[in-house]
Protein backbone atom coordinates (compact mmCIF):
# COMPACT_ATOMS: atom_id res chain seq x y z
CA UNK A 1 20.06 7.11 -0.49
CA UNK A 2 21.45 4.50 -2.86
CA UNK A 3 22.49 5.66 -6.30
CA UNK A 4 20.69 2.65 -7.81
CA UNK A 5 17.79 0.75 -6.23
CA UNK A 6 19.70 -2.52 -6.61
CA UNK A 7 22.32 -1.27 -4.12
CA UNK A 8 19.76 -1.36 -1.30
CA UNK A 9 18.11 -4.59 -2.45
CA UNK A 10 18.80 -7.69 -0.39
CA UNK A 11 20.99 -10.19 -2.24
CA UNK A 12 18.48 -12.80 -1.08
CA UNK A 13 15.81 -11.13 -3.25
CA UNK A 14 17.86 -11.69 -6.42
CA UNK A 15 19.60 -14.95 -5.50
CA UNK A 16 16.55 -17.17 -6.32
CA UNK A 17 16.53 -15.64 -9.81
CA UNK A 18 20.20 -16.57 -10.28
CA UNK A 19 19.42 -20.15 -9.21
CA UNK A 20 16.30 -20.39 -11.39
CA UNK A 21 18.18 -19.05 -14.41
CA UNK A 22 20.92 -21.64 -13.89
CA UNK A 23 18.56 -24.54 -13.21
CA UNK A 24 16.45 -23.79 -16.30
CA UNK A 25 19.59 -24.47 -18.29
CA UNK A 26 20.51 -27.67 -16.45
CA UNK A 27 22.98 -26.10 -14.03
CA UNK A 28 22.79 -26.21 -10.23
CA UNK A 29 22.44 -24.06 -7.15
CA UNK A 30 25.81 -25.45 -6.02
CA UNK A 31 27.39 -23.96 -9.15
CA UNK A 32 25.74 -20.59 -8.48
CA UNK A 33 27.13 -20.70 -4.93
CA UNK A 34 30.57 -21.67 -6.21
CA UNK A 35 30.58 -18.64 -8.52
CA UNK A 36 29.54 -16.31 -5.69
CA UNK A 37 32.18 -17.76 -3.35
CA UNK A 38 34.85 -17.45 -6.05
CA UNK A 39 33.91 -13.83 -6.74
CA UNK A 40 33.65 -12.67 -3.12
CA UNK A 41 35.65 -15.00 -0.90
CA UNK A 42 32.65 -15.86 1.27
CA UNK A 43 32.57 -19.38 2.70
CA UNK A 44 29.40 -21.38 2.06
CA UNK A 45 28.31 -20.83 5.68
CA UNK A 46 28.95 -17.08 5.44
CA UNK A 47 27.10 -16.89 2.13
CA UNK A 48 24.09 -18.63 3.62
CA UNK A 49 24.20 -16.31 6.66
CA UNK A 50 24.27 -13.19 4.47
CA UNK A 51 21.31 -14.48 2.48
CA UNK A 52 19.35 -15.25 5.66
CA UNK A 53 20.22 -11.81 7.10
CA UNK A 54 18.89 -10.17 3.93
CA UNK A 55 22.15 -8.28 3.47
CA UNK A 56 21.88 -5.66 0.75
CA UNK A 57 24.22 -5.58 -2.25
CA UNK A 58 26.16 -2.62 -0.83
CA UNK A 59 27.10 -4.45 2.37
CA UNK A 60 27.43 -7.80 0.60
CA UNK A 61 30.23 -6.57 -1.63
CA UNK A 62 31.71 -4.13 0.88
CA UNK A 63 32.03 -6.92 3.47
CA UNK A 64 33.21 -9.56 1.00
CA UNK A 65 36.14 -11.25 2.73
CA UNK A 66 38.37 -11.72 -0.30
CA UNK A 67 37.22 -10.27 -3.62
CA UNK A 68 38.95 -12.33 -6.26
CA UNK A 69 41.55 -10.23 -8.10
CA UNK A 70 40.99 -12.36 -11.21
CA UNK A 71 37.46 -10.89 -11.45
CA UNK A 72 39.02 -8.01 -13.39
CA UNK A 73 39.33 -10.46 -16.31
CA UNK A 74 35.54 -10.60 -16.60
CA UNK A 75 34.57 -8.81 -19.78
CA UNK A 76 31.55 -8.66 -21.99
CA UNK A 77 28.10 -7.15 -22.11
CA UNK A 78 25.35 -7.31 -19.48
CA UNK A 79 22.16 -5.32 -20.03
CA UNK A 80 23.76 -3.65 -23.03
CA UNK A 81 26.74 -2.32 -21.06
CA UNK A 82 30.32 -3.58 -21.15
CA UNK A 83 31.15 -4.70 -17.60
CA UNK A 84 34.77 -3.63 -17.90
CA UNK A 85 33.67 -0.05 -18.65
CA UNK A 86 31.29 0.41 -15.71
CA UNK A 87 32.60 3.30 -13.62
CA UNK A 88 30.69 2.76 -10.38
CA UNK A 89 32.69 0.11 -8.45
CA UNK A 90 29.65 -1.44 -6.74
CA UNK A 91 27.63 -1.62 -9.94
CA UNK A 92 30.64 -3.24 -11.61
CA UNK A 93 30.76 -5.92 -8.89
CA UNK A 94 27.04 -6.60 -9.33
CA UNK A 95 27.44 -6.84 -13.10
CA UNK A 96 30.45 -9.17 -12.71
CA UNK A 97 28.14 -11.51 -10.82
CA UNK A 98 25.41 -11.11 -13.44
CA UNK A 99 27.89 -11.89 -16.21
CA UNK A 100 29.15 -15.03 -14.48
CA UNK A 101 25.60 -16.29 -13.94
CA UNK A 102 24.85 -15.58 -17.62
CA UNK A 103 27.90 -17.62 -18.62
CA UNK A 104 26.76 -20.48 -16.38
CA UNK A 105 23.28 -20.43 -17.92
CA UNK A 106 24.81 -20.44 -21.41
CA UNK A 107 26.57 -23.71 -20.60
CA UNK A 108 30.12 -22.43 -20.26
CA UNK A 109 32.45 -24.76 -18.35
CA UNK A 110 33.07 -23.80 -14.71
CA UNK A 111 36.85 -23.58 -15.18
CA UNK A 112 36.28 -20.97 -17.91
CA UNK A 113 33.66 -19.09 -15.86
CA UNK A 114 36.10 -18.95 -12.94
CA UNK A 115 38.84 -17.74 -15.28
CA UNK A 116 41.13 -20.64 -14.43
CA UNK A 117 41.58 -21.92 -17.95
């Protein structure tokens, strides 16, 4: 049994919320996908396949082809918790993604979101 319900949830059940959050603020689905690809190393085709297969968050992050080592630079608060202090590795990965989507929705430049500037 998953420690948190989100671990067993399909990424595809949350993905539309990421897109909606971004689009409400004038951002795009393509930017959401770019963030996910940067974080995980999935290609666009592989990302789309995992969404169609209703892969849960546990397998999504466990099977990520190339988790970006720069993701460790992601800091800040999501749901009242500092992402850099989250002890559960899977929950931390999920919150990294949440934080990046929050930054996108707040209008932050992609190069800053992707920690390249």
